[in-house]
Amino acid sequence: MKEERVEQIALALEKAKLGEYVDMMSKPRKLLFMNFIAGLARGFGMAIGFTLLGALALYFLRMAVMLNLPFIGGFIAEIVKIVQDHL
């Protein structure tokens, strides 16, 4: 019975990959490298996502201007005026 229980615990620890976690924590350079790569991936993903979201927003604003909606057209004209004044 005890041997079966010990095997179950060993299997559970193996599934949890506790050994890999302890190994990574004992090697700070590996931990820093892995976190650096993860940070690069997150940053790249955010940049791509923000670019796509911005392009989609500009597309919808352009469509709204083409529909000649008075409120949105005036709002965009005001933004263009503010940008030109600051240049």
Protein backbone atom coordinates (compact mmCIF):
# COMPACT_ATOMS: atom_id res chain seq x y z
CA MET A 1 0.00 0.00 0.00
CA LYS A 2 2.70 2.49 0.96
CA GLU A 3 4.69 1.71 -2.16
CA GLU A 4 1.65 2.38 -4.34
CA ARG A 5 1.05 5.68 -2.56
CA VAL A 6 4.68 6.69 -2.99
CA GLU A 7 4.44 5.86 -6.70
CA GLN A 8 1.26 7.93 -7.00
CA ILE A 9 2.95 10.90 -5.33
CA ALA A 10 6.02 10.51 -7.54
CA LEU A 11 3.81 10.40 -10.62
CA ALA A 12 1.89 13.49 -9.50
CA LEU A 13 5.15 15.38 -8.96
CA GLU A 14 6.39 14.28 -12.35
CA LYS A 15 3.17 15.48 -13.98
CA ALA A 16 3.52 18.82 -12.22
CA LYS A 17 7.07 19.09 -13.61
CA LEU A 18 8.32 20.12 -10.20
CA GLY A 19 11.80 18.89 -11.05
CA GLU A 20 12.04 21.22 -14.05
CA TYR A 21 10.83 24.12 -11.92
CA VAL A 22 13.42 23.45 -9.23
CA ASP A 23 16.10 23.07 -11.91
CA MET A 24 15.15 26.40 -13.48
CA MET A 25 15.08 28.17 -10.11
CA SER A 26 18.56 26.89 -9.30
CA LYS A 27 19.94 28.35 -12.55
CA PRO A 28 19.34 32.12 -12.49
CA ARG A 29 20.80 32.69 -15.96
CA LYS A 30 18.36 30.23 -17.50
CA LEU A 31 15.48 31.85 -15.61
CA LEU A 32 16.49 35.33 -16.80
CA PHE A 33 16.85 34.12 -20.38
CA MET A 34 13.44 32.45 -20.36
CA ASN A 35 11.80 35.55 -18.87
CA PHE A 36 13.58 37.75 -21.43
CA ILE A 37 12.31 35.65 -24.33
CA ALA A 38 8.80 35.63 -22.85
CA GLY A 39 8.92 39.44 -22.51
CA LEU A 40 10.02 39.83 -26.13
CA ALA A 41 7.16 37.61 -27.28
CA ARG A 42 4.62 39.57 -25.22
CA GLY A 43 5.94 42.90 -26.50
CA PHE A 44 5.89 41.73 -30.10
CA GLY A 45 2.35 40.42 -29.67
CA MET A 46 1.17 43.70 -28.17
CA ALA A 47 2.78 45.69 -30.99
CA ILE A 48 1.12 43.56 -33.65
CA GLY A 49 -2.23 43.65 -31.83
CA PHE A 50 -2.14 47.41 -31.35
CA THR A 51 -1.23 47.91 -35.00
CA LEU A 52 -4.14 45.78 -36.18
CA LEU A 53 -6.54 47.45 -33.75
CA GLY A 54 -5.39 50.92 -34.82
CA ALA A 55 -5.75 50.04 -38.49
CA LEU A 56 -9.25 48.73 -37.87
CA ALA A 57 -10.20 51.92 -35.99
CA LEU A 58 -8.84 54.09 -38.81
CA TYR A 59 -10.74 52.01 -41.34
CA PHE A 60 -14.03 52.55 -39.49
CA LEU A 61 -13.34 56.28 -39.09
CA ARG A 62 -12.65 56.52 -42.80
CA MET A 63 -15.92 54.76 -43.56
CA ALA A 64 -17.74 57.14 -41.22
CA VAL A 65 -16.27 60.14 -43.06
CA MET A 66 -17.35 58.65 -46.39
CA LEU A 67 -20.91 58.37 -45.06
CA ASN A 68 -20.66 62.12 -44.40
CA LEU A 69 -22.02 61.98 -40.87
CA PRO A 70 -22.06 65.57 -39.57
CA PHE A 71 -20.91 64.87 -36.01
CA ILE A 72 -18.04 62.56 -36.91
CA GLY A 73 -16.94 64.66 -39.88
CA GLY A 74 -16.76 67.78 -37.70
CA PHE A 75 -14.92 65.87 -34.99
CA ILE A 76 -12.29 64.61 -37.44
CA ALA A 77 -11.95 68.08 -38.98
CA GLU A 78 -11.28 69.48 -35.50
CA ILE A 79 -8.60 66.84 -34.88
CA VAL A 80 -6.94 67.66 -38.22
CA LYS A 81 -7.01 71.38 -37.33
CA ILE A 82 -5.42 70.76 -33.92
CA VAL A 83 -2.66 68.65 -35.50
CA GLN A 84 -1.94 71.28 -38.16
CA ASP A 85 -1.79 74.03 -35.51
CA HIS A 86 0.82 72.10 -33.55
CA LEU A 87 2.96 71.59 -36.64
